[in-house]
Structures are given as C-alpha cells and as structure tokens.
C-alpha cells in the first residue's frame, strides 16, 4: 500500500499544481486538492508536511467563507484537529468556533 500512496503523491501534486496555475491558490478546487495531498502525506507518515498543508487549507477556507459553519471549512478544521491530536498537540489551535469535529447544531446541551 505504501508504494501505491507514494505513486499517488506525484499525481496529487500535479493536480494541485494545475489548480494553482489555472484557477489560483485560493480557489475551492485548489484547496480541495491541497487537502487531498495533505491526507495522502499523512498516510505516508509525513505529518509535518501534512500539517502545513491542512493549516493552509483551513486558512484559505476561512478567508473565503468567513466562518466555520460551511461544510468545506468544517471538514478542513476537523482534518487539522485530527492530525494535531495524532501528533499529541492540542487541537485547540483551531478554535474559536464549535468544538472540534462536532457538526454545528449537534453539540450536547
């Protein structure tokens, strides 16, 4: 499986590059490609690289959407929080907003 992920990395990087060139760094499709690359890098054990990309994706989504109630921003926040937790770091970095990875409106009373 590791070999398959490594082979997929080149394709994912190409997709990200194409998005950056054709529609720009902050376009939603480019941010999605960046998030996909971050997940792939996590699978390869390259968590620090993935962390930088997840952070950039969340930053881009927040700039575009202005709040964390949008599904794309919410997924980006969850991906970042999950990786931070995996690395033993506090996912509080992704606050303010609803608790990490709890869909808006589903918090316990």
C-alpha atoms as a PDB file:
ATOM      1  CA  UNK A   1       0.000   0.000   0.000  1.00  0.00           C
ATOM      2  CA  UNK A   2       2.826   2.413   0.839  1.00  0.00           C
ATOM      3  CA  UNK A   3       4.107   2.140  -2.734  1.00  0.00           C
ATOM      4  CA  UNK A   4       0.656   2.975  -4.066  1.00  0.00           C
ATOM      5  CA  UNK A   5       0.479   6.060  -1.881  1.00  0.00           C
ATOM      6  CA  UNK A   6       3.929   7.146  -2.969  1.00  0.00           C
ATOM      7  CA  UNK A   7       2.934   6.767  -6.629  1.00  0.00           C
ATOM      8  CA  UNK A   8      -0.270   8.703  -5.983  1.00  0.00           C
ATOM      9  CA  UNK A   9       1.690  11.578  -4.456  1.00  0.00           C
ATOM     10  CA  UNK A  10       3.069  12.641  -7.828  1.00  0.00           C
ATOM     11  CA  UNK A  11      -0.379  12.670  -9.366  1.00  0.00           C
ATOM     12  CA  UNK A  12      -1.832  14.618  -6.452  1.00  0.00           C
ATOM     13  CA  UNK A  13       0.979  17.168  -6.600  1.00  0.00           C
ATOM     14  CA  UNK A  14       0.342  17.573 -10.339  1.00  0.00           C
ATOM     15  CA  UNK A  15      -3.365  18.162  -9.711  1.00  0.00           C
ATOM     16  CA  UNK A  16      -2.529  20.767  -7.070  1.00  0.00           C
ATOM     17  CA  UNK A  17      -0.039  22.487  -9.363  1.00  0.00           C
ATOM     18  CA  UNK A  18      -2.558  22.581 -12.231  1.00  0.00           C
ATOM     19  CA  UNK A  19      -5.162  24.137  -9.950  1.00  0.00           C
ATOM     20  CA  UNK A  20      -2.743  26.750  -8.688  1.00  0.00           C
ATOM     21  CA  UNK A  21      -1.768  27.697 -12.234  1.00  0.00           C
ATOM     22  CA  UNK A  22      -5.234  27.705 -13.773  1.00  0.00           C
ATOM     23  CA  UNK A  23      -7.577  28.974 -11.058  1.00  0.00           C
ATOM     24  CA  UNK A  24      -5.292  30.220  -8.271  1.00  0.00           C
ATOM     25  CA  UNK A  25      -4.157  29.187  -4.804  1.00  0.00           C
ATOM     26  CA  UNK A  26      -7.358  30.131  -3.003  1.00  0.00           C
ATOM     27  CA  UNK A  27      -9.885  28.617  -5.405  1.00  0.00           C
ATOM     28  CA  UNK A  28     -12.088  25.992  -3.676  1.00  0.00           C
ATOM     29  CA  UNK A  29     -10.942  23.248  -6.085  1.00  0.00           C
ATOM     30  CA  UNK A  30      -7.290  24.079  -5.430  1.00  0.00           C
ATOM     31  CA  UNK A  31      -7.903  23.994  -1.683  1.00  0.00           C
ATOM     32  CA  UNK A  32      -9.591  20.606  -2.081  1.00  0.00           C
ATOM     33  CA  UNK A  33      -6.563  19.310  -3.990  1.00  0.00           C
ATOM     34  CA  UNK A  34      -4.301  20.673  -1.267  1.00  0.00           C
ATOM     35  CA  UNK A  35      -6.373  18.939   1.400  1.00  0.00           C
ATOM     36  CA  UNK A  36      -6.259  15.673  -0.531  1.00  0.00           C
ATOM     37  CA  UNK A  37      -2.466  15.927  -0.762  1.00  0.00           C
ATOM     38  CA  UNK A  38      -2.320  16.574   2.986  1.00  0.00           C
ATOM     39  CA  UNK A  39      -4.320  13.398   3.658  1.00  0.00           C
ATOM     40  CA  UNK A  40      -2.058  11.431   1.345  1.00  0.00           C
ATOM     41  CA  UNK A  41       1.044  12.749   3.110  1.00  0.00           C
ATOM     42  CA  UNK A  42      -0.472  11.697   6.435  1.00  0.00           C
ATOM     43  CA  UNK A  43      -0.835   8.186   5.011  1.00  0.00           C
ATOM     44  CA  UNK A  44       2.839   8.266   4.100  1.00  0.00           C
ATOM     45  CA  UNK A  45       3.741   9.297   7.655  1.00  0.00           C
ATOM     46  CA  UNK A  46       4.867  12.786   6.611  1.00  0.00           C
ATOM     47  CA  UNK A  47       2.768  14.510   9.213  1.00  0.00           C
ATOM     48  CA  UNK A  48       4.638  17.815   9.444  1.00  0.00           C
ATOM     49  CA  UNK A  49       4.186  18.396   5.707  1.00  0.00           C
ATOM     50  CA  UNK A  50       0.553  17.404   6.038  1.00  0.00           C
ATOM     51  CA  UNK A  51       0.102  19.761   8.984  1.00  0.00           C
ATOM     52  CA  UNK A  52       1.393  22.719   6.971  1.00  0.00           C
ATOM     53  CA  UNK A  53      -0.989  21.913   4.123  1.00  0.00           C
ATOM     54  CA  UNK A  54      -4.005  21.347   6.395  1.00  0.00           C
ATOM     55  CA  UNK A  55      -3.288  24.698   8.060  1.00  0.00           C
ATOM     56  CA  UNK A  56      -3.075  26.423   4.685  1.00  0.00           C
ATOM     57  CA  UNK A  57      -6.348  24.820   3.543  1.00  0.00           C
ATOM     58  CA  UNK A  58      -8.174  25.935   6.686  1.00  0.00           C
ATOM     59  CA  UNK A  59      -6.742  29.437   6.340  1.00  0.00           C
ATOM     60  CA  UNK A  60      -7.914  29.594   2.719  1.00  0.00           C
ATOM     61  CA  UNK A  61     -11.373  28.276   3.533  1.00  0.00           C
ATOM     62  CA  UNK A  62     -11.796  30.717   6.418  1.00  0.00           C
ATOM     63  CA  UNK A  63     -10.703  33.609   4.196  1.00  0.00           C
ATOM     64  CA  UNK A  64     -13.177  32.540   1.527  1.00  0.00           C
ATOM     65  CA  UNK A  65     -16.123  31.655   3.758  1.00  0.00           C
ATOM     66  CA  UNK A  66     -15.595  33.871   6.774  1.00  0.00           C
ATOM     67  CA  UNK A  67     -16.943  31.343   9.281  1.00  0.00           C
ATOM     68  CA  UNK A  68     -16.666  27.710  10.258  1.00  0.00           C
ATOM     69  CA  UNK A  69     -20.281  26.846   9.515  1.00  0.00           C
ATOM     70  CA  UNK A  70     -19.566  25.982   5.872  1.00  0.00           C
ATOM     71  CA  UNK A  71     -19.089  22.238   5.244  1.00  0.00           C
ATOM     72  CA  UNK A  72     -15.730  22.671   3.489  1.00  0.00           C
ATOM     73  CA  UNK A  73     -14.335  24.831   6.276  1.00  0.00           C
ATOM     74  CA  UNK A  74     -15.718  22.408   8.852  1.00  0.00           C
ATOM     75  CA  UNK A  75     -14.035  19.410   7.160  1.00  0.00           C
ATOM     76  CA  UNK A  76     -10.761  21.323   6.971  1.00  0.00           C
ATOM     77  CA  UNK A  77     -10.990  22.183  10.655  1.00  0.00           C
ATOM     78  CA  UNK A  78     -11.653  18.537  11.532  1.00  0.00           C
ATOM     79  CA  UNK A  79      -8.749  17.265   9.437  1.00  0.00           C
ATOM     80  CA  UNK A  80      -6.387  19.717  11.115  1.00  0.00           C
ATOM     81  CA  UNK A  81      -7.709  18.914  14.597  1.00  0.00           C
ATOM     82  CA  UNK A  82      -7.385  15.163  13.994  1.00  0.00           C
ATOM     83  CA  UNK A  83      -3.786  15.478  12.836  1.00  0.00           C
ATOM     84  CA  UNK A  84      -2.897  17.740  15.760  1.00  0.00           C
ATOM     85  CA  UNK A  85      -4.407  15.190  18.147  1.00  0.00           C
ATOM     86  CA  UNK A  86      -2.471  12.382  16.418  1.00  0.00           C
ATOM     87  CA  UNK A  87       0.736  14.373  16.911  1.00  0.00           C
ATOM     88  CA  UNK A  88      -0.094  14.922  20.583  1.00  0.00           C
ATOM     89  CA  UNK A  89      -0.706  18.623  20.116  1.00  0.00           C
ATOM     90  CA  UNK A  90      -3.741  20.492  21.314  1.00  0.00           C
ATOM     91  CA  UNK A  91      -6.444  20.809  18.678  1.00  0.00           C
ATOM     92  CA  UNK A  92      -7.459  23.992  20.500  1.00  0.00           C
ATOM     93  CA  UNK A  93      -5.326  25.758  17.881  1.00  0.00           C
ATOM     94  CA  UNK A  94      -8.297  25.605  15.528  1.00  0.00           C
ATOM     95  CA  UNK A  95     -10.617  27.500  17.899  1.00  0.00           C
ATOM     96  CA  UNK A  96     -12.693  29.721  18.059  1.00  0.00           C
ATOM     97  CA  UNK A  97     -15.865  28.055  16.994  1.00  0.00           C
ATOM     98  CA  UNK A  98     -17.844  24.979  17.881  1.00  0.00           C
ATOM     99  CA  UNK A  99     -15.977  22.068  19.486  1.00  0.00           C
ATOM    100  CA  UNK A 100     -13.597  20.400  17.040  1.00  0.00           C
ATOM    101  CA  UNK A 101     -15.313  17.945  14.708  1.00  0.00           C
ATOM    102  CA  UNK A 102     -18.760  18.321  16.210  1.00  0.00           C
ATOM    103  CA  UNK A 103     -21.119  19.367  13.422  1.00  0.00           C
ATOM    104  CA  UNK A 104     -22.752  22.741  14.065  1.00  0.00           C
ATOM    105  CA  UNK A 105     -26.065  22.321  15.842  1.00  0.00           C
ATOM    106  CA  UNK A 106     -25.253  18.877  17.269  1.00  0.00           C
ATOM    107  CA  UNK A 107     -23.461  19.980  20.449  1.00  0.00           C
ATOM    108  CA  UNK A 108     -24.852  18.460  23.628  1.00  0.00           C
ATOM    109  CA  UNK A 109     -26.866  20.820  25.786  1.00  0.00           C
END
